[in-house]
Amino acid sequence: MDLSSLDLAVRVLHVAGVLIWIGHNWANVVQTPVFRRVLPHDPPEAVRDVFIAASKREHGIFRHASLVVVATGLYLLWRRGDLVDALLLSGPSAVIGLGAWIGTLMALNLWFIMWPHQKKVLGFIEAPTEERLRCARITFVASRTNTVLSVVTLILMIAGAHGGLSFG
């Protein structure tokens, strides 16, 4: 595989990861603005097991899409020779660099704030009702934060990649 084919494949993975990650945020924040119980209060064990497996798969795809976005984005900046300037927020790469930093913060928010709490909310980890309610609020705020930041990040990434804003 030559480098142009690799670059195209990485770019497609980057865009696909962004669509999955932001699409999941959109579905959870905009289309489902409040928490709704999916299962009855005490479902049969088989129903619960199927729900947990499907939910783990969905949330796994969502979480791992964030890692794909960050990794492919860093690769693309490196291939362009803009990685250092972008990360240091200097020159014409400052705009896309700011988008990369915000995207990285979003991934950290997802993995280290949302996910540990969401496991309790979804029942992947047993927790008392009080703890699940506390975790639901934290997950709610962290998810909304990522959704707002995703709009800013997309604007910065597009502007940085296509010259809409330029410094230096």
N, C-alpha and C. Protein backbone atom coordinates (compact mmCIF):
# COMPACT_ATOMS: atom_id res chain seq x y z
N MET A 1 0.85 -1.18 0.00
CA MET A 1 0.00 0.00 0.00
C MET A 1 0.90 1.24 0.00
N ASP A 2 0.70 2.12 -0.96
CA ASP A 2 1.50 3.35 -1.00
C ASP A 2 0.95 4.37 0.00
N LEU A 3 1.70 5.43 0.23
CA LEU A 3 1.32 6.41 1.25
C LEU A 3 0.04 7.15 0.93
N SER A 4 -0.25 7.39 -0.35
CA SER A 4 -1.49 8.10 -0.68
C SER A 4 -2.71 7.22 -0.35
N SER A 5 -2.59 5.93 -0.57
CA SER A 5 -3.69 5.02 -0.22
C SER A 5 -3.85 4.94 1.30
N LEU A 6 -2.73 4.91 2.02
CA LEU A 6 -2.78 4.88 3.48
C LEU A 6 -3.41 6.17 4.01
N ASP A 7 -3.01 7.31 3.44
CA ASP A 7 -3.59 8.59 3.87
C ASP A 7 -5.10 8.61 3.63
N LEU A 8 -5.52 8.11 2.49
CA LEU A 8 -6.96 8.07 2.20
C LEU A 8 -7.69 7.17 3.19
N ALA A 9 -7.12 6.00 3.46
CA ALA A 9 -7.74 5.07 4.42
C ALA A 9 -7.83 5.70 5.81
N VAL A 10 -6.77 6.37 6.23
CA VAL A 10 -6.77 7.01 7.55
C VAL A 10 -7.79 8.14 7.60
N ARG A 11 -7.87 8.91 6.52
CA ARG A 11 -8.84 10.01 6.46
C ARG A 11 -10.27 9.46 6.54
N VAL A 12 -10.54 8.37 5.83
CA VAL A 12 -11.87 7.75 5.88
C VAL A 12 -12.17 7.25 7.29
N LEU A 13 -11.18 6.61 7.92
CA LEU A 13 -11.36 6.16 9.31
C LEU A 13 -11.62 7.35 10.24
N HIS A 14 -10.91 8.43 10.03
CA HIS A 14 -11.08 9.63 10.87
C HIS A 14 -12.50 10.17 10.74
N VAL A 15 -12.96 10.33 9.52
CA VAL A 15 -14.31 10.86 9.30
C VAL A 15 -15.37 9.89 9.83
N ALA A 16 -15.19 8.59 9.59
CA ALA A 16 -16.15 7.60 10.10
C ALA A 16 -16.20 7.63 11.63
N GLY A 17 -15.03 7.73 12.26
CA GLY A 17 -14.99 7.81 13.72
C GLY A 17 -15.71 9.04 14.24
N VAL A 18 -15.51 10.17 13.56
CA VAL A 18 -16.19 11.41 13.96
C VAL A 18 -17.70 11.24 13.83
N LEU A 19 -18.14 10.65 12.72
CA LEU A 19 -19.58 10.45 12.52
C LEU A 19 -20.18 9.55 13.60
N ILE A 20 -19.49 8.48 13.94
CA ILE A 20 -19.98 7.57 14.99
C ILE A 20 -20.00 8.27 16.34
N TRP A 21 -18.92 8.93 16.67
CA TRP A 21 -18.80 9.59 17.97
C TRP A 21 -19.82 10.71 18.13
N ILE A 22 -19.89 11.61 17.15
CA ILE A 22 -20.83 12.72 17.25
C ILE A 22 -22.26 12.24 17.04
N GLY A 23 -22.44 11.25 16.18
CA GLY A 23 -23.78 10.69 15.98
C GLY A 23 -24.34 10.09 17.26
N HIS A 24 -23.50 9.42 18.01
CA HIS A 24 -23.93 8.85 19.29
C HIS A 24 -24.29 9.96 20.26
N ASN A 25 -23.46 11.02 20.31
CA ASN A 25 -23.79 12.17 21.16
C ASN A 25 -25.12 12.78 20.74
N TRP A 26 -25.32 12.95 19.44
CA TRP A 26 -26.55 13.53 18.92
C TRP A 26 -27.75 12.69 19.36
N ALA A 27 -27.66 11.40 19.18
CA ALA A 27 -28.77 10.52 19.53
C ALA A 27 -29.08 10.57 21.02
N ASN A 28 -28.05 10.63 21.83
CA ASN A 28 -28.27 10.62 23.28
C ASN A 28 -28.66 11.97 23.84
N VAL A 29 -28.22 13.05 23.23
CA VAL A 29 -28.47 14.36 23.80
C VAL A 29 -29.67 15.04 23.17
N VAL A 30 -29.76 15.00 21.85
CA VAL A 30 -30.80 15.74 21.16
C VAL A 30 -32.07 14.91 21.02
N GLN A 31 -31.94 13.67 20.58
CA GLN A 31 -33.13 12.85 20.36
C GLN A 31 -33.68 12.24 21.64
N THR A 32 -32.85 12.05 22.64
CA THR A 32 -33.28 11.49 23.92
C THR A 32 -32.82 12.43 25.02
N PRO A 33 -33.48 13.58 25.17
CA PRO A 33 -32.97 14.59 26.11
C PRO A 33 -33.15 14.24 27.59
N VAL A 34 -33.96 13.24 27.90
CA VAL A 34 -34.12 12.84 29.30
C VAL A 34 -33.91 11.34 29.41
N PHE A 35 -33.53 10.90 30.60
CA PHE A 35 -33.32 9.48 30.83
C PHE A 35 -34.65 8.75 30.83
N ARG A 36 -34.70 7.69 30.04
CA ARG A 36 -35.88 6.83 30.03
C ARG A 36 -35.43 5.40 30.26
N ARG A 37 -36.12 4.73 31.15
CA ARG A 37 -35.81 3.34 31.43
C ARG A 37 -36.10 2.51 30.18
N VAL A 38 -35.15 1.68 29.78
CA VAL A 38 -35.31 0.84 28.60
C VAL A 38 -35.95 -0.49 28.99
N LEU A 39 -35.54 -1.02 30.11
CA LEU A 39 -36.06 -2.31 30.57
C LEU A 39 -37.09 -2.11 31.67
N PRO A 40 -38.00 -3.08 31.82
CA PRO A 40 -38.90 -3.03 32.98
C PRO A 40 -38.06 -3.11 34.26
N HIS A 41 -38.70 -2.82 35.38
CA HIS A 41 -37.98 -2.74 36.66
C HIS A 41 -37.22 -4.03 36.97
N ASP A 42 -37.84 -5.18 36.89
CA ASP A 42 -37.18 -6.45 37.15
C ASP A 42 -37.38 -7.39 35.95
N PRO A 43 -36.58 -7.24 34.90
CA PRO A 43 -36.77 -8.07 33.71
C PRO A 43 -36.27 -9.49 33.96
N PRO A 44 -36.76 -10.45 33.17
CA PRO A 44 -36.20 -11.80 33.27
C PRO A 44 -34.70 -11.76 32.97
N GLU A 45 -33.98 -12.68 33.53
CA GLU A 45 -32.51 -12.69 33.40
C GLU A 45 -32.06 -12.72 31.94
N ALA A 46 -32.73 -13.49 31.10
CA ALA A 46 -32.34 -13.59 29.69
C ALA A 46 -32.50 -12.24 28.98
N VAL A 47 -33.59 -11.53 29.27
CA VAL A 47 -33.82 -10.22 28.67
C VAL A 47 -32.75 -9.25 29.14
N ARG A 48 -32.45 -9.28 30.41
CA ARG A 48 -31.43 -8.40 30.97
C ARG A 48 -30.07 -8.69 30.33
N ASP A 49 -29.72 -9.96 30.16
CA ASP A 49 -28.43 -10.33 29.57
C ASP A 49 -28.31 -9.83 28.13
N VAL A 50 -29.38 -9.95 27.35
CA VAL A 50 -29.37 -9.48 25.97
C VAL A 50 -29.21 -7.95 25.94
N PHE A 51 -29.94 -7.27 26.80
CA PHE A 51 -29.84 -5.81 26.86
C PHE A 51 -28.43 -5.37 27.24
N ILE A 52 -27.87 -6.00 28.26
CA ILE A 52 -26.53 -5.63 28.73
C ILE A 52 -25.51 -5.87 27.61
N ALA A 53 -25.60 -7.00 26.92
CA ALA A 53 -24.65 -7.30 25.85
C ALA A 53 -24.75 -6.28 24.71
N ALA A 54 -25.98 -5.96 24.31
CA ALA A 54 -26.17 -4.98 23.23
C ALA A 54 -25.69 -3.60 23.65
N SER A 55 -25.97 -3.23 24.88
CA SER A 55 -25.57 -1.93 25.38
C SER A 55 -24.05 -1.82 25.49
N LYS A 56 -23.41 -2.90 25.96
CA LYS A 56 -21.95 -2.90 26.04
C LYS A 56 -21.32 -2.76 24.66
N ARG A 57 -21.90 -3.44 23.68
CA ARG A 57 -21.38 -3.35 22.31
C ARG A 57 -21.53 -1.93 21.77
N GLU A 58 -22.72 -1.35 21.96
CA GLU A 58 -22.97 0.02 21.47
C GLU A 58 -22.02 1.01 22.12
N HIS A 59 -21.89 0.94 23.43
CA HIS A 59 -21.03 1.89 24.14
C HIS A 59 -19.56 1.62 23.85
N GLY A 60 -19.20 0.37 23.58
CA GLY A 60 -17.82 0.06 23.20
C GLY A 60 -17.47 0.66 21.86
N ILE A 61 -18.37 0.55 20.89
CA ILE A 61 -18.13 1.14 19.57
C ILE A 61 -17.97 2.65 19.71
N PHE A 62 -18.85 3.27 20.47
CA PHE A 62 -18.82 4.72 20.70
C PHE A 62 -17.50 5.15 21.34
N ARG A 63 -17.11 4.47 22.41
CA ARG A 63 -15.88 4.84 23.11
C ARG A 63 -14.65 4.64 22.22
N HIS A 64 -14.60 3.52 21.53
CA HIS A 64 -13.43 3.24 20.71
C HIS A 64 -13.37 4.13 19.48
N ALA A 65 -14.51 4.61 19.01
CA ALA A 65 -14.50 5.58 17.91
C ALA A 65 -13.74 6.83 18.32
N SER A 66 -13.85 7.22 19.58
CA SER A 66 -13.11 8.41 20.04
C SER A 66 -11.61 8.19 19.94
N LEU A 67 -11.15 6.99 20.24
CA LEU A 67 -9.72 6.70 20.13
C LEU A 67 -9.26 6.70 18.68
N VAL A 68 -10.11 6.18 17.80
CA VAL A 68 -9.80 6.19 16.36
C VAL A 68 -9.68 7.63 15.87
N VAL A 69 -10.61 8.48 16.29
CA VAL A 69 -10.58 9.89 15.87
C VAL A 69 -9.29 10.56 16.33
N VAL A 70 -8.93 10.40 17.58
CA VAL A 70 -7.73 11.05 18.11
C VAL A 70 -6.48 10.50 17.41
N ALA A 71 -6.36 9.18 17.30
CA ALA A 71 -5.17 8.57 16.69
C ALA A 71 -5.03 8.95 15.22
N THR A 72 -6.12 8.86 14.46
CA THR A 72 -6.02 9.19 13.03
C THR A 72 -5.81 10.69 12.83
N GLY A 73 -6.40 11.51 13.68
CA GLY A 73 -6.18 12.96 13.58
C GLY A 73 -4.72 13.32 13.83
N LEU A 74 -4.12 12.72 14.85
CA LEU A 74 -2.71 12.97 15.12
C LEU A 74 -1.83 12.49 13.96
N TYR A 75 -2.17 11.33 13.40
CA TYR A 75 -1.43 10.81 12.25
C TYR A 75 -1.51 11.78 11.08
N LEU A 76 -2.71 12.26 10.79
CA LEU A 76 -2.88 13.17 9.64
C LEU A 76 -2.11 14.47 9.85
N LEU A 77 -2.12 14.99 11.07
CA LEU A 77 -1.32 16.19 11.35
C LEU A 77 0.17 15.90 11.19
N TRP A 78 0.61 14.75 11.63
CA TRP A 78 2.01 14.36 11.50
C TRP A 78 2.41 14.24 10.03
N ARG A 79 1.56 13.59 9.24
CA ARG A 79 1.85 13.41 7.81
C ARG A 79 1.93 14.75 7.08
N ARG A 80 1.13 15.70 7.50
CA ARG A 80 1.16 17.04 6.90
C ARG A 80 2.34 17.86 7.38
N GLY A 81 3.01 17.40 8.43
CA GLY A 81 4.11 18.15 9.01
C GLY A 81 3.64 19.25 9.95
N ASP A 82 2.40 19.16 10.40
CA ASP A 82 1.80 20.20 11.23
C ASP A 82 1.62 19.80 12.69
N LEU A 83 2.05 18.61 13.07
CA LEU A 83 1.74 18.10 14.41
C LEU A 83 2.29 19.00 15.51
N VAL A 84 3.56 19.33 15.44
CA VAL A 84 4.18 20.13 16.51
C VAL A 84 3.54 21.52 16.59
N ASP A 85 3.40 22.18 15.43
CA ASP A 85 2.78 23.51 15.43
C ASP A 85 1.34 23.46 15.93
N ALA A 86 0.62 22.41 15.53
CA ALA A 86 -0.77 22.29 15.98
C ALA A 86 -0.84 22.10 17.49
N LEU A 87 -0.01 21.22 18.02
CA LEU A 87 -0.05 20.97 19.46
C LEU A 87 0.45 22.16 20.27
N LEU A 88 1.34 22.96 19.68
CA LEU A 88 1.84 24.16 20.36
C LEU A 88 0.98 25.39 20.06
N LEU A 89 -0.06 25.19 19.25
CA LEU A 89 -0.98 26.26 18.87
C LEU A 89 -0.24 27.45 18.26
N SER A 90 0.64 27.14 17.31
CA SER A 90 1.41 28.22 16.69
C SER A 90 1.20 28.25 15.18
N GLY A 91 1.31 29.45 14.64
CA GLY A 91 1.22 29.64 13.19
C GLY A 91 -0.14 29.26 12.63
N PRO A 92 -0.16 28.92 11.35
CA PRO A 92 -1.42 28.58 10.69
C PRO A 92 -2.07 27.30 11.25
N SER A 93 -1.31 26.50 11.97
CA SER A 93 -1.84 25.26 12.53
C SER A 93 -2.53 25.46 13.88
N ALA A 94 -2.56 26.69 14.38
CA ALA A 94 -3.15 26.95 15.69
C ALA A 94 -4.64 26.60 15.73
N VAL A 95 -5.35 26.88 14.66
CA VAL A 95 -6.80 26.63 14.65
C VAL A 95 -7.09 25.13 14.72
N ILE A 96 -6.46 24.37 13.85
CA ILE A 96 -6.71 22.92 13.88
C ILE A 96 -6.12 22.31 15.16
N GLY A 97 -5.04 22.92 15.67
CA GLY A 97 -4.47 22.45 16.93
C GLY A 97 -5.42 22.64 18.10
N LEU A 98 -6.11 23.77 18.12
CA LEU A 98 -7.10 24.00 19.18
C LEU A 98 -8.22 22.96 19.07
N GLY A 99 -8.63 22.67 17.85
CA GLY A 99 -9.63 21.62 17.65
C GLY A 99 -9.13 20.26 18.13
N ALA A 100 -7.85 19.97 17.88
CA ALA A 100 -7.26 18.70 18.32
C ALA A 100 -7.21 18.63 19.85
N TRP A 101 -6.85 19.73 20.48
CA TRP A 101 -6.81 19.74 21.95
C TRP A 101 -8.21 19.57 22.55
N ILE A 102 -9.17 20.26 21.99
CA ILE A 102 -10.54 20.11 22.51
C ILE A 102 -11.04 18.69 22.27
N GLY A 103 -10.75 18.12 21.09
CA GLY A 103 -11.12 16.73 20.81
C GLY A 103 -10.48 15.77 21.79
N THR A 104 -9.22 16.03 22.14
CA THR A 104 -8.53 15.19 23.12
C THR A 104 -9.19 15.31 24.50
N LEU A 105 -9.56 16.52 24.89
CA LEU A 105 -10.28 16.71 26.16
C LEU A 105 -11.62 15.99 26.14
N MET A 106 -12.28 16.00 24.99
CA MET A 106 -13.56 15.28 24.87
C MET A 106 -13.35 13.78 25.06
N ALA A 107 -12.28 13.24 24.47
CA ALA A 107 -11.99 11.81 24.62
C ALA A 107 -11.67 11.48 26.08
N LEU A 108 -10.89 12.34 26.72
CA LEU A 108 -10.58 12.13 28.14
C LEU A 108 -11.84 12.20 29.00
N ASN A 109 -12.72 13.15 28.69
CA ASN A 109 -14.00 13.27 29.40
C ASN A 109 -14.81 11.98 29.23
N LEU A 110 -14.83 11.46 28.02
CA LEU A 110 -15.58 10.24 27.75
C LEU A 110 -15.02 9.06 28.53
N TRP A 111 -13.72 8.85 28.47
CA TRP A 111 -13.11 7.66 29.06
C TRP A 111 -12.96 7.74 30.58
N PHE A 112 -12.69 8.93 31.11
CA PHE A 112 -12.36 9.01 32.53
C PHE A 112 -13.44 9.65 33.40
N ILE A 113 -14.44 10.26 32.80
CA ILE A 113 -15.54 10.81 33.60
C ILE A 113 -16.84 10.08 33.25
N MET A 114 -17.22 10.13 31.98
CA MET A 114 -18.51 9.53 31.59
C MET A 114 -18.53 8.02 31.80
N TRP A 115 -17.56 7.31 31.24
CA TRP A 115 -17.62 5.86 31.21
C TRP A 115 -17.63 5.22 32.60
N PRO A 116 -16.78 5.61 33.55
CA PRO A 116 -16.84 4.99 34.88
C PRO A 116 -18.21 5.17 35.54
N HIS A 117 -18.84 6.32 35.34
CA HIS A 117 -20.15 6.57 35.94
C HIS A 117 -21.27 5.89 35.15
N GLN A 118 -21.12 5.87 33.83
CA GLN A 118 -22.14 5.29 32.98
C GLN A 118 -22.27 3.78 33.21
N LYS A 119 -21.17 3.12 33.55
CA LYS A 119 -21.23 1.68 33.83
C LYS A 119 -22.18 1.39 34.99
N LYS A 120 -22.20 2.27 35.97
CA LYS A 120 -23.11 2.10 37.11
C LYS A 120 -24.55 2.42 36.72
N VAL A 121 -24.73 3.48 35.93
CA VAL A 121 -26.07 3.88 35.50
C VAL A 121 -26.72 2.78 34.67
N LEU A 122 -25.95 2.19 33.77
CA LEU A 122 -26.49 1.16 32.87
C LEU A 122 -26.58 -0.22 33.52
N GLY A 123 -26.03 -0.38 34.71
CA GLY A 123 -26.12 -1.65 35.40
C GLY A 123 -25.01 -2.62 35.06
N PHE A 124 -23.96 -2.14 34.38
CA PHE A 124 -22.82 -3.02 34.09
C PHE A 124 -22.08 -3.35 35.38
N ILE A 125 -22.12 -2.39 36.30
CA ILE A 125 -21.54 -2.55 37.63
C ILE A 125 -22.67 -2.32 38.63
N GLU A 126 -22.81 -3.22 39.56
CA GLU A 126 -23.86 -3.08 40.56
C GLU A 126 -23.57 -1.86 41.43
N ALA A 127 -24.61 -1.08 41.69
CA ALA A 127 -24.48 0.11 42.55
C ALA A 127 -25.84 0.39 43.17
N PRO A 128 -25.86 0.92 44.39
CA PRO A 128 -27.13 1.29 45.01
C PRO A 128 -27.81 2.40 44.21
N THR A 129 -29.11 2.54 44.42
CA THR A 129 -29.90 3.53 43.67
C THR A 129 -29.35 4.94 43.85
N GLU A 130 -28.98 5.31 45.05
CA GLU A 130 -28.42 6.66 45.28
C GLU A 130 -27.19 6.90 44.42
N GLU A 131 -26.32 5.91 44.38
CA GLU A 131 -25.09 6.03 43.58
C GLU A 131 -25.41 6.12 42.09
N ARG A 132 -26.36 5.33 41.63
CA ARG A 132 -26.75 5.36 40.22
C ARG A 132 -27.35 6.72 39.85
N LEU A 133 -28.14 7.30 40.73
CA LEU A 133 -28.70 8.63 40.47
C LEU A 133 -27.61 9.70 40.42
N ARG A 134 -26.66 9.62 41.33
CA ARG A 134 -25.53 10.55 41.33
C ARG A 134 -24.74 10.41 40.04
N CYS A 135 -24.48 9.17 39.65
CA CYS A 135 -23.72 8.91 38.43
C CYS A 135 -24.50 9.34 37.19
N ALA A 136 -25.81 9.21 37.21
CA ALA A 136 -26.63 9.64 36.07
C ALA A 136 -26.48 11.14 35.84
N ARG A 137 -26.45 11.90 36.90
CA ARG A 137 -26.28 13.36 36.77
C ARG A 137 -24.90 13.71 36.20
N ILE A 138 -23.88 13.05 36.71
CA ILE A 138 -22.52 13.30 36.21
C ILE A 138 -22.42 12.93 34.74
N THR A 139 -22.97 11.79 34.37
CA THR A 139 -22.96 11.36 32.97
C THR A 139 -23.73 12.34 32.10
N PHE A 140 -24.87 12.80 32.58
CA PHE A 140 -25.70 13.76 31.85
C PHE A 140 -24.90 15.02 31.53
N VAL A 141 -24.27 15.60 32.55
CA VAL A 141 -23.52 16.86 32.37
C VAL A 141 -22.30 16.63 31.47
N ALA A 142 -21.58 15.54 31.68
CA ALA A 142 -20.39 15.26 30.87
C ALA A 142 -20.77 15.03 29.41
N SER A 143 -21.88 14.35 29.17
CA SER A 143 -22.33 14.09 27.81
C SER A 143 -22.74 15.39 27.12
N ARG A 144 -23.47 16.23 27.82
CA ARG A 144 -23.88 17.52 27.25
C ARG A 144 -22.67 18.39 26.96
N THR A 145 -21.69 18.34 27.84
CA THR A 145 -20.45 19.09 27.62
C THR A 145 -19.76 18.64 26.34
N ASN A 146 -19.64 17.32 26.15
CA ASN A 146 -19.01 16.81 24.93
C ASN A 146 -19.80 17.19 23.69
N THR A 147 -21.12 17.21 23.78
CA THR A 147 -21.93 17.57 22.62
C THR A 147 -21.68 19.02 22.22
N VAL A 148 -21.65 19.93 23.19
CA VAL A 148 -21.38 21.34 22.90
C VAL A 148 -19.96 21.49 22.34
N LEU A 149 -19.00 20.82 22.97
CA LEU A 149 -17.63 20.92 22.50
C LEU A 149 -17.45 20.32 21.10
N SER A 150 -18.27 19.33 20.75
CA SER A 150 -18.14 18.72 19.42
C SER A 150 -18.47 19.72 18.31
N VAL A 151 -19.41 20.61 18.56
CA VAL A 151 -19.74 21.64 17.55
C VAL A 151 -18.54 22.57 17.37
N VAL A 152 -17.97 23.03 18.47
CA VAL A 152 -16.80 23.91 18.42
C VAL A 152 -15.63 23.19 17.73
N THR A 153 -15.41 21.94 18.09
CA THR A 153 -14.30 21.18 17.52
C THR A 153 -14.47 21.00 16.02
N LEU A 154 -15.67 20.67 15.58
CA LEU A 154 -15.91 20.52 14.14
C LEU A 154 -15.62 21.82 13.40
N ILE A 155 -16.07 22.93 13.93
CA ILE A 155 -15.82 24.22 13.29
C ILE A 155 -14.32 24.49 13.19
N LEU A 156 -13.60 24.25 14.29
CA LEU A 156 -12.16 24.49 14.29
C LEU A 156 -11.43 23.55 13.34
N MET A 157 -11.82 22.29 13.32
CA MET A 157 -11.16 21.31 12.45
C MET A 157 -11.39 21.65 10.98
N ILE A 158 -12.60 22.01 10.63
CA ILE A 158 -12.89 22.35 9.23
C ILE A 158 -12.17 23.63 8.85
N ALA A 159 -12.23 24.64 9.72
CA ALA A 159 -11.55 25.91 9.43
C ALA A 159 -10.04 25.71 9.33
N GLY A 160 -9.48 24.91 10.22
CA GLY A 160 -8.04 24.68 10.20
C GLY A 160 -7.59 23.87 8.99
N ALA A 161 -8.39 22.90 8.60
CA ALA A 161 -8.00 22.03 7.50
C ALA A 161 -8.23 22.68 6.14
N HIS A 162 -9.17 23.60 6.06
CA HIS A 162 -9.53 24.18 4.77
C HIS A 162 -9.25 25.67 4.67
N GLY A 163 -8.47 26.19 5.62
CA GLY A 163 -8.01 27.56 5.51
C GLY A 163 -9.04 28.64 5.79
N GLY A 164 -10.13 28.29 6.43
CA GLY A 164 -11.15 29.29 6.74
C GLY A 164 -10.65 30.34 7.70
N LEU A 165 -9.81 29.93 8.61
CA LEU A 165 -9.19 30.86 9.57
C LEU A 165 -7.70 30.59 9.51
N SER A 166 -6.92 31.63 9.52
CA SER A 166 -5.49 31.37 9.50
C SER A 166 -4.75 32.44 10.28
N PHE A 167 -3.72 31.99 10.96
CA PHE A 167 -2.90 32.90 11.76
C PHE A 167 -1.46 32.76 11.30
N GLY A 168 -0.73 33.81 11.35
CA GLY A 168 0.70 33.76 11.01
C GLY A 168 0.89 34.07 9.60
